[in-house]
């Protein structure tokens, strides 16, 4: 699993259904018949404006204009049947109907153009994020790996969640993070961190050195030699929460540096515990304010154990009553299996909990240690 759209997200503009098209036509027929049969003092022609107005809410300018023409023809038929086209009352009604039809057609044109632009921008953002967020391998040494990225609803801007994996001569390294902010700028910051991780994680440097490289890459990327920061002062506040893990092929443990990221969850024998560090670091991009640097802490991680990495979009998803998603509780109720099965289970449950609505992107990476110690690519 990788990039995925939440159910209910609007897709690119397409043809409206026949049922929707029938609604304004039924209105035109109904108003016309009733207006012809109504007493002379009753005029229902003004209700015909509802037909093109309703059409403009779901259709493009061509269909809206066509319904407007049909409504004008219907109003003309009513005028001929009841009095004449030159009757002042009907002349004013027809003129008003033509004017309103033109206005709503222009609005339909503008809305359709805006939808096309948004669809193109969303496609570019998702494609960019798809290039930045490469799919993770299913195996790396003695580890089974599953990953999933849930894009938020269409109205929410594309976020900067990130994850990556790299093999070393002695084990496997992971990074998961969440960029502060949304949009292409957030994706750019995520690309900086991921690029630095992929370039440096293969080396045998200790984790604090690796994390310092990530910090340096992000800080230099946020620097502004050309003075553009004056135009975008909010970039001064950019930072990335991240957890960087080193899982050796031999030895029942893992090492982690946590820079302000939600603690991973460890599942062992049906029990879930959070891998809380005693000395959490500041998020990447803010390390200049930390006097202690980056501390490494170790946790037991034996055969059969599973570690779940995630971003805050998962635990901050709310249900209709406003309750946050209980990730640890759901993880503990999982009957067991491979990481891919766990992520399918969590994604379905998360979307059911939130009603298919995610206010922020969500990323999950499940890592399970097996008893085998064969080497895998990554």
Protein backbone atom coordinates (compact mmCIF):
# COMPACT_ATOMS: atom_id res chain seq x y z
CA UNK A 1 0.00 0.00 0.00
CA UNK A 2 1.13 3.51 -0.70
CA UNK A 3 -0.71 6.64 -1.76
CA UNK A 4 -4.45 6.34 -1.34
CA UNK A 5 -7.42 8.69 -1.56
CA UNK A 6 -9.97 8.78 1.22
CA UNK A 7 -13.41 7.54 0.08
CA UNK A 8 -15.76 10.41 -0.67
CA UNK A 9 -13.06 12.68 -2.06
CA UNK A 10 -14.32 14.53 -5.12
CA UNK A 11 -12.69 13.48 -8.33
CA UNK A 12 -12.01 15.53 -11.43
CA UNK A 13 -15.07 17.20 -12.95
CA UNK A 14 -17.12 14.85 -15.12
CA UNK A 15 -20.54 14.52 -16.66
CA UNK A 16 -23.48 14.88 -14.26
CA UNK A 17 -25.82 11.94 -13.86
CA UNK A 18 -29.05 11.69 -15.81
CA UNK A 19 -31.03 11.96 -12.58
CA UNK A 20 -29.51 15.37 -11.85
CA UNK A 21 -30.13 16.59 -15.40
CA UNK A 22 -33.78 15.53 -15.11
CA UNK A 23 -34.40 17.77 -12.09
CA UNK A 24 -34.30 21.18 -13.86
CA UNK A 25 -36.22 19.77 -16.84
CA UNK A 26 -38.96 18.52 -14.55
CA UNK A 27 -39.09 21.96 -12.95
CA UNK A 28 -39.50 23.60 -16.37
CA UNK A 29 -42.29 21.22 -17.42
CA UNK A 30 -44.10 21.46 -14.08
CA UNK A 31 -43.99 25.26 -13.88
CA UNK A 32 -45.04 25.63 -17.52
CA UNK A 33 -48.06 23.32 -17.21
CA UNK A 34 -49.23 24.82 -13.92
CA UNK A 35 -48.72 28.39 -15.23
CA UNK A 36 -50.80 27.68 -18.35
CA UNK A 37 -53.61 26.19 -16.26
CA UNK A 38 -53.50 28.83 -13.51
CA UNK A 39 -56.05 31.67 -13.22
CA UNK A 40 -55.19 34.88 -15.14
CA UNK A 41 -54.13 36.69 -11.99
CA UNK A 42 -51.56 33.99 -11.07
CA UNK A 43 -48.13 34.08 -12.72
CA UNK A 44 -45.65 31.30 -11.96
CA UNK A 45 -43.14 32.15 -14.68
CA UNK A 46 -40.56 33.62 -12.23
CA UNK A 47 -40.11 30.11 -10.78
CA UNK A 48 -38.50 29.05 -14.07
CA UNK A 49 -35.25 30.75 -13.00
CA UNK A 50 -34.77 27.84 -10.60
CA UNK A 51 -34.01 25.52 -13.52
CA UNK A 52 -30.79 27.17 -14.81
CA UNK A 53 -29.79 28.13 -11.26
CA UNK A 54 -29.96 24.53 -10.06
CA UNK A 55 -28.19 23.31 -13.20
CA UNK A 56 -25.29 25.69 -12.58
CA UNK A 57 -24.68 24.02 -9.20
CA UNK A 58 -23.67 20.69 -10.73
CA UNK A 59 -23.14 21.15 -14.50
CA UNK A 60 -20.92 23.12 -16.81
CA UNK A 61 -21.74 26.30 -18.73
CA UNK A 62 -23.01 24.53 -21.85
CA UNK A 63 -25.66 22.49 -20.07
CA UNK A 64 -26.59 25.48 -17.91
CA UNK A 65 -27.05 27.64 -20.99
CA UNK A 66 -29.10 24.91 -22.68
CA UNK A 67 -31.45 24.66 -19.70
CA UNK A 68 -31.68 28.45 -19.66
CA UNK A 69 -32.73 28.44 -23.33
CA UNK A 70 -35.33 25.75 -22.62
CA UNK A 71 -36.69 27.83 -19.73
CA UNK A 72 -36.91 30.94 -21.94
CA UNK A 73 -38.72 28.95 -24.65
CA UNK A 74 -41.12 27.59 -22.02
CA UNK A 75 -41.80 31.10 -20.73
CA UNK A 76 -42.45 32.24 -24.29
CA UNK A 77 -44.92 29.41 -24.80
CA UNK A 78 -46.75 30.43 -21.65
CA UNK A 79 -46.88 34.03 -22.88
CA UNK A 80 -48.33 33.03 -26.25
CA UNK A 81 -50.93 30.72 -24.67
CA UNK A 82 -52.04 33.12 -21.99
CA UNK A 83 -51.78 36.51 -23.74
CA UNK A 84 -48.98 37.39 -26.17
CA UNK A 85 -45.21 37.87 -26.33
CA UNK A 86 -45.69 41.64 -26.35
CA UNK A 87 -47.56 41.60 -23.05
CA UNK A 88 -45.56 43.78 -20.66
CA UNK A 89 -45.70 41.29 -17.78
CA UNK A 90 -44.43 38.38 -19.85
CA UNK A 91 -41.88 40.54 -21.63
CA UNK A 92 -40.34 41.51 -18.29
CA UNK A 93 -40.39 37.90 -17.08
CA UNK A 94 -38.65 36.68 -20.24
CA UNK A 95 -36.06 39.47 -20.05
CA UNK A 96 -35.32 38.69 -16.40
CA UNK A 97 -35.07 34.98 -17.17
CA UNK A 98 -32.59 35.64 -19.99
CA UNK A 99 -30.49 37.89 -17.75
CA UNK A 100 -30.40 35.41 -14.87
CA UNK A 101 -29.61 32.52 -17.23
CA UNK A 102 -26.63 34.45 -18.61
CA UNK A 103 -25.38 35.25 -15.10
CA UNK A 104 -25.61 31.68 -13.80
CA UNK A 105 -23.97 30.39 -17.00
CA UNK A 106 -21.01 32.68 -16.34
CA UNK A 107 -20.84 31.42 -12.77
CA UNK A 108 -20.93 27.83 -14.03
CA UNK A 109 -18.06 28.62 -16.40
CA UNK A 110 -16.01 30.14 -13.60
CA UNK A 111 -16.73 27.24 -11.24
CA UNK A 112 -15.79 24.68 -13.89
CA UNK A 113 -12.53 26.46 -14.62
CA UNK A 114 -11.73 26.63 -10.91
CA UNK A 115 -12.44 22.91 -10.53
CA UNK A 116 -10.10 22.11 -13.42
CA UNK A 117 -7.36 24.23 -11.88
CA UNK A 118 -7.81 22.58 -8.48
CA UNK A 119 -7.78 19.12 -10.06
CA UNK A 120 -4.55 19.92 -11.91
CA UNK A 121 -2.91 21.36 -8.81
CA UNK A 122 -3.99 18.37 -6.75
CA UNK A 123 -2.67 15.97 -9.38
CA UNK A 124 0.67 17.78 -9.50
CA UNK A 125 0.94 17.79 -5.71
CA UNK A 126 0.05 14.11 -5.42
CA UNK A 127 2.43 13.18 -8.23
CA UNK A 128 5.19 15.19 -6.58
CA UNK A 129 4.53 13.55 -3.27
CA UNK A 130 4.44 10.15 -4.96
CA UNK A 131 7.94 10.75 -6.34
CA UNK A 132 9.23 11.98 -2.99
CA UNK A 133 7.57 9.16 -1.04
CA UNK A 134 8.94 6.04 -2.66
CA UNK A 135 7.25 2.75 -1.70
CA UNK A 136 9.09 0.87 1.03
CA UNK A 137 10.38 -2.67 0.45
CA UNK A 138 8.42 -5.52 1.98
CA UNK A 139 11.56 -7.17 3.33
CA UNK A 140 14.80 -5.78 4.68
CA UNK A 141 17.10 -8.31 6.32
CA UNK A 142 15.14 -10.09 9.06
CA UNK A 143 12.37 -7.47 8.94
CA UNK A 144 8.97 -7.49 7.31
CA UNK A 145 7.77 -4.00 6.41
CA UNK A 146 4.40 -2.51 5.52
CA UNK A 147 3.67 1.14 4.74
CA UNK A 148 0.64 3.22 3.84
CA UNK A 149 -0.02 6.88 3.14
CA UNK A 150 -3.59 8.17 3.46
CA UNK A 151 -4.13 11.47 1.71
CA UNK A 152 -6.51 13.82 3.46
CA UNK A 153 -9.78 14.98 1.91
CA UNK A 154 -9.58 17.03 -1.28
CA UNK A 155 -10.36 20.29 0.52
CA UNK A 156 -7.34 19.83 2.78
CA UNK A 157 -4.05 20.80 1.20
CA UNK A 158 -1.49 18.07 0.56
CA UNK A 159 0.65 17.60 3.64
CA UNK A 160 4.28 16.77 4.34
CA UNK A 161 4.25 13.41 6.09
CA UNK A 162 7.31 11.35 5.21
CA UNK A 163 8.93 7.97 5.71
CA UNK A 164 11.87 6.06 4.26
CA UNK A 165 14.05 3.02 4.87
CA UNK A 166 17.72 2.34 4.13
CA UNK A 167 19.90 -0.75 4.50
CA UNK A 168 23.34 -0.70 6.07
CA UNK A 169 25.93 -3.45 6.41
CA UNK A 170 24.64 -4.23 9.90
CA UNK A 171 20.95 -3.48 9.86
CA UNK A 172 18.09 -1.31 8.65
CA UNK A 173 17.36 2.32 9.35
CA UNK A 174 13.99 4.06 9.28
CA UNK A 175 12.78 7.63 9.40
CA UNK A 176 9.23 8.85 9.82
CA UNK A 177 8.32 12.49 10.11
CA UNK A 178 5.73 15.20 9.77
CA UNK A 179 6.47 18.65 8.34
CA UNK A 180 4.78 21.60 9.95
CA UNK A 181 2.43 23.13 7.41
CA UNK A 182 0.73 22.06 4.19
CA UNK A 183 1.07 22.29 0.46
CA UNK A 184 4.03 22.15 -1.89
CA UNK A 185 6.28 23.97 0.59
CA UNK A 186 5.73 21.15 3.08
CA UNK A 187 6.49 18.58 0.38
CA UNK A 188 9.68 20.49 -0.40
CA UNK A 189 10.77 20.32 3.25
CA UNK A 190 9.94 16.61 3.32
CA UNK A 191 12.07 16.13 0.19
CA UNK A 192 15.00 17.83 1.93
CA UNK A 193 14.80 15.46 4.89
CA UNK A 194 14.27 12.36 2.76
CA UNK A 195 17.10 13.27 0.40
CA UNK A 196 19.48 13.75 3.30
CA UNK A 197 18.38 10.49 4.90
CA UNK A 198 18.82 8.47 1.69
CA UNK A 199 22.25 10.00 1.15
CA UNK A 200 23.56 9.51 4.68
CA UNK A 201 21.68 6.56 6.21
CA UNK A 202 23.75 3.95 4.35
CA UNK A 203 26.89 5.08 6.14
CA UNK A 204 27.88 3.48 9.43
CA UNK A 205 27.71 6.76 11.34
CA UNK A 206 25.99 6.70 14.71
CA UNK A 207 22.38 7.81 14.86
CA UNK A 208 23.13 11.26 16.38
CA UNK A 209 25.44 11.97 13.43
CA UNK A 210 22.74 10.86 10.97
CA UNK A 211 20.11 13.02 12.67
CA UNK A 212 22.54 15.95 12.68
CA UNK A 213 22.88 15.51 8.91
CA UNK A 214 19.09 15.69 8.58
CA UNK A 215 19.03 18.79 10.74
CA UNK A 216 21.76 20.40 8.68
CA UNK A 217 20.02 19.63 5.39
CA UNK A 218 16.73 21.07 6.61
CA UNK A 219 18.33 24.14 8.16
CA UNK A 220 20.32 24.90 5.01
CA UNK A 221 17.21 24.38 2.89
CA UNK A 222 15.28 26.81 5.08
CA UNK A 223 18.10 29.34 4.84
CA UNK A 224 17.56 32.30 2.58
CA UNK A 225 20.67 33.61 0.80
CA UNK A 226 18.59 35.66 -1.62
CA UNK A 227 16.53 37.45 0.98
CA UNK A 228 13.27 35.79 0.01
CA UNK A 229 12.48 35.13 3.65
CA UNK A 230 11.15 38.67 3.97
CA UNK A 231 8.43 37.69 1.51
CA UNK A 232 7.66 34.43 3.38
CA UNK A 233 8.32 35.11 7.08
CA UNK A 234 6.35 32.01 8.15
CA UNK A 235 9.19 29.82 6.79
CA UNK A 236 11.21 30.87 9.82
CA UNK A 237 8.88 28.69 11.87
CA UNK A 238 9.19 25.59 9.65
CA UNK A 239 10.22 22.40 11.42
CA UNK A 240 9.83 18.65 11.11
CA UNK A 241 8.99 16.20 13.88
CA UNK A 242 10.82 12.94 13.21
CA UNK A 243 11.78 9.60 14.67
CA UNK A 244 14.91 7.87 13.33
CA UNK A 245 15.40 4.18 14.14
CA UNK A 246 18.28 1.76 13.67
CA UNK A 247 17.32 -1.92 13.77
CA UNK A 248 20.35 -4.25 13.72
CA UNK A 249 20.07 -7.59 11.94
CA UNK A 250 21.49 -9.34 15.01
CA UNK A 251 20.50 -8.62 18.57
CA UNK A 252 16.96 -8.28 19.97
CA UNK A 253 16.84 -4.50 20.19
CA UNK A 254 16.47 -1.26 18.28
CA UNK A 255 17.91 2.21 18.78
CA UNK A 256 15.99 5.43 18.28
CA UNK A 257 16.37 9.19 18.28
CA UNK A 258 13.04 10.96 18.66
CA UNK A 259 12.79 14.60 17.65
CA UNK A 260 9.39 15.63 18.92
CA UNK A 261 7.50 12.89 17.06
CA UNK A 262 4.67 10.72 18.46
CA UNK A 263 6.27 7.66 20.11
CA UNK A 264 6.17 4.41 18.11
CA UNK A 265 4.03 1.60 19.48
CA UNK A 266 5.47 -1.84 20.24
CA UNK A 267 3.19 -4.86 19.95
CA UNK A 268 4.43 -7.94 21.81
CA UNK A 269 2.30 -10.95 22.70
CA UNK A 270 -0.91 -8.95 22.32
CA UNK A 271 0.28 -6.12 24.59
CA UNK A 272 0.99 -2.61 23.33
CA UNK A 273 3.50 -0.21 24.84
CA UNK A 274 4.71 3.18 23.67
CA UNK A 275 8.44 3.60 23.03
CA UNK A 276 8.79 6.76 25.06
CA UNK A 277 12.29 8.24 25.17
CA UNK A 278 13.62 9.86 28.31
CA UNK A 279 15.45 12.59 26.43
CA UNK A 280 13.37 13.69 23.45
CA UNK A 281 15.04 16.10 21.06
CA UNK A 282 13.56 19.19 19.51
CA UNK A 283 12.06 18.86 16.02
CA UNK A 284 14.39 19.15 13.06
CA UNK A 285 14.86 22.79 12.15
CA UNK A 286 14.85 23.84 15.82
CA UNK A 287 17.99 22.00 16.98
CA UNK A 288 19.88 25.28 17.35
CA UNK A 289 17.75 25.88 20.44
CA UNK A 290 18.70 22.52 22.00
CA UNK A 291 21.79 22.48 24.24
CA UNK A 292 21.85 18.68 24.57
CA UNK A 293 21.81 17.55 20.95
CA UNK A 294 20.33 14.20 19.96
CA UNK A 295 20.20 11.31 22.44
CA UNK A 296 19.98 7.65 21.41
CA UNK A 297 17.86 5.25 23.44
CA UNK A 298 17.51 1.48 23.07
CA UNK A 299 14.41 -0.72 23.30
CA UNK A 300 13.93 -4.47 23.22
CA UNK A 301 12.79 -5.72 19.83
CA UNK A 302 12.88 -9.49 19.47
CA UNK A 303 11.56 -12.05 16.99
CA UNK A 304 7.78 -11.72 16.54
CA UNK A 305 7.69 -8.17 17.89
CA UNK A 306 6.10 -5.45 15.77
CA UNK A 307 6.75 -1.71 15.89
CA UNK A 308 4.22 0.71 14.43
CA UNK A 309 5.44 4.13 13.30
CA UNK A 310 2.81 6.75 12.55
CA UNK A 311 2.16 10.46 12.13
CA UNK A 312 -0.24 12.58 14.15
CA UNK A 313 -2.85 12.51 11.39
CA UNK A 314 -3.69 9.01 12.63
CA UNK A 315 -4.19 9.70 16.33
CA UNK A 316 -5.82 13.09 15.73
CA UNK A 317 -8.57 11.72 13.49
CA UNK A 318 -11.94 12.27 15.20
CA UNK A 319 -15.29 10.53 15.04
CA UNK A 320 -18.69 12.23 14.94
CA UNK A 321 -18.57 12.74 18.71
CA UNK A 322 -15.13 14.38 18.54
CA UNK A 323 -13.22 11.44 20.04
CA UNK A 324 -9.66 10.85 18.83
CA UNK A 325 -8.77 7.59 17.15
CA UNK A 326 -7.61 5.07 19.83
CA UNK A 327 -4.63 3.68 17.91
CA UNK A 328 -3.06 1.74 20.80
CA UNK A 329 -6.38 0.11 21.65
CA UNK A 330 -7.00 -0.88 18.03
CA UNK A 331 -3.47 -2.22 17.68
CA UNK A 332 -3.92 -4.38 20.79
CA UNK A 333 -7.11 -5.88 19.34
CA UNK A 334 -5.42 -6.96 16.12
CA UNK A 335 -5.51 -10.77 15.84
CA UNK A 336 -2.04 -10.97 14.30
CA UNK A 337 -0.43 -11.51 10.91
CA UNK A 338 1.90 -9.74 8.54
CA UNK A 339 2.45 -5.95 8.57
CA UNK A 340 0.43 -5.48 5.38
CA UNK A 341 -2.57 -7.14 6.99
CA UNK A 342 -2.23 -4.92 10.05
CA UNK A 343 -2.18 -1.75 7.95
CA UNK A 344 -5.24 -2.82 5.96
CA UNK A 345 -7.02 -3.45 9.24
CA UNK A 346 -6.00 -0.09 10.70
CA UNK A 347 -6.84 1.89 7.55
CA UNK A 348 -10.32 0.43 7.29
CA UNK A 349 -10.90 0.99 10.99
CA UNK A 350 -9.49 4.53 10.88
CA UNK A 351 -11.70 5.55 7.97
CA UNK A 352 -14.73 3.98 9.61
CA UNK A 353 -13.94 5.87 12.83
CA UNK A 354 -13.58 9.21 11.03
CA UNK A 355 -16.45 8.69 8.60
CA UNK A 356 -14.05 8.81 5.64
CA UNK A 357 -12.95 12.32 6.64
CA UNK A 358 -9.32 13.04 7.49
CA UNK A 359 -8.37 16.60 8.30
CA UNK A 360 -4.66 15.79 7.87
CA UNK A 361 -2.60 13.30 5.94
CA UNK A 362 -1.76 10.10 7.81
CA UNK A 363 1.21 7.77 7.38
CA UNK A 364 1.89 4.41 9.00
CA UNK A 365 4.87 2.05 8.83
CA UNK A 366 4.74 -1.39 10.44
CA UNK A 367 8.02 -3.24 11.09
CA UNK A 368 8.07 -6.84 12.29
CA UNK A 369 11.17 -8.84 13.21
CA UNK A 370 11.18 -12.44 12.02
CA UNK A 371 13.36 -15.30 13.19
CA UNK A 372 15.18 -15.41 9.83
CA UNK A 373 18.18 -13.17 9.28
CA UNK A 374 18.36 -13.19 5.51
CA UNK A 375 19.39 -9.98 3.84
CA UNK A 376 16.93 -8.03 1.78
CA UNK A 377 17.21 -5.03 -0.45
CA UNK A 378 16.11 -1.60 0.54
